Amino acid sequence: MATFRRFEEINAWQTARKSTARIYTFSNGSLGRDFSLCDQMKRASISIMANIAEGHGRRTNKSTLQTLPTQ
C-alpha cells in the first residue's frame, strides 16, 4: 500500500476535486434554477473530499481504506 504524506496526494481525493469543479461549473449553468439540487450536489461533492482528508488524518491504514472507494 502506498504511503501518502498529504491527503492531496491521494488519487481519489484528486478525482473528487476535479469532479467538484465540474459540478460547480455545471450547476452554475444548466441546473442554475434548481437551487435545492445544486446545493445538494455541491455539498455532497465537498463531503467526499472532506471524508478522504479525514480518513488520512487518522493515520491508520484501516480507517483510510474505509474512506476510499473500492472497485
Protein backbone atom coordinates (compact mmCIF):
# COMPACT_ATOMS: atom_id res chain seq x y z
CA MET A 1 0.00 0.00 0.00
CA ALA A 2 1.26 3.45 -0.87
CA THR A 3 2.16 5.93 1.84
CA PHE A 4 0.82 9.44 1.45
CA ARG A 5 2.31 12.37 3.31
CA ARG A 6 -0.57 14.68 2.40
CA PHE A 7 -4.15 13.84 1.53
CA GLU A 8 -3.79 15.90 -1.65
CA GLU A 9 -1.54 13.12 -2.99
CA ILE A 10 -4.34 10.54 -2.87
CA ASN A 11 -5.72 9.84 -6.35
CA ALA A 12 -9.28 9.51 -5.06
CA TRP A 13 -9.08 12.99 -3.50
CA GLN A 14 -7.68 14.46 -6.72
CA THR A 15 -10.51 12.87 -8.71
CA ALA A 16 -13.07 14.16 -6.21
CA ARG A 17 -11.64 17.66 -6.52
CA LYS A 18 -11.94 17.56 -10.32
CA SER A 19 -15.49 16.27 -10.02
CA THR A 20 -16.35 19.05 -7.58
CA ALA A 21 -15.08 21.66 -10.03
CA ARG A 22 -17.21 20.12 -12.80
CA ILE A 23 -20.27 20.05 -10.55
CA TYR A 24 -19.83 23.72 -9.68
CA THR A 25 -19.47 24.63 -13.36
CA PHE A 26 -22.46 22.51 -14.37
CA SER A 27 -24.69 23.76 -11.56
CA ASN A 28 -23.98 27.38 -12.43
CA GLY A 29 -25.18 26.74 -15.97
CA SER A 30 -27.74 24.07 -16.79
CA LEU A 31 -29.18 23.48 -13.34
CA GLY A 32 -28.84 27.02 -12.05
CA ARG A 33 -32.56 27.38 -11.49
CA ASP A 34 -32.93 24.29 -9.30
CA PHE A 35 -31.25 25.75 -6.22
CA SER A 36 -32.02 22.81 -3.94
CA LEU A 37 -30.50 20.24 -6.28
CA CYS A 38 -27.45 22.42 -6.96
CA ASP A 39 -26.84 22.95 -3.26
CA GLN A 40 -27.15 19.23 -2.51
CA MET A 41 -24.76 18.27 -5.31
CA LYS A 42 -22.19 20.84 -4.19
CA ARG A 43 -22.36 19.76 -0.54
CA ALA A 44 -22.10 16.07 -1.47
CA SER A 45 -19.05 16.61 -3.67
CA ILE A 46 -17.28 18.59 -0.95
CA SER A 47 -18.19 15.91 1.58
CA ILE A 48 -16.35 13.28 -0.47
CA MET A 49 -13.14 15.31 -0.37
CA ALA A 50 -13.58 16.00 3.34
CA ASN A 51 -14.11 12.32 4.16
CA ILE A 52 -10.93 11.31 2.34
CA ALA A 53 -8.96 14.04 4.13
CA GLU A 54 -10.43 12.99 7.48
CA GLY A 55 -9.53 9.35 6.89
CA HIS A 56 -5.99 10.35 6.01
CA GLY A 57 -5.75 12.47 9.15
CA ARG A 58 -6.43 9.46 11.35
CA ARG A 59 -3.10 8.00 10.21
CA THR A 60 -4.24 4.37 10.34
CA ASN A 61 -4.40 2.15 7.29
CA LYS A 62 -7.73 0.60 8.27
CA SER A 63 -9.60 3.89 8.65
CA THR A 64 -8.02 5.34 5.49
CA LEU A 65 -9.06 2.29 3.48
CA GLN A 66 -12.64 2.60 4.73
CA THR A 67 -12.95 6.09 3.25
CA LEU A 68 -11.56 5.20 -0.19
CA PRO A 69 -13.84 3.78 -2.89
CA THR A 70 -13.49 0.15 -3.90
CA GLN A 71 -13.77 -1.14 -7.43
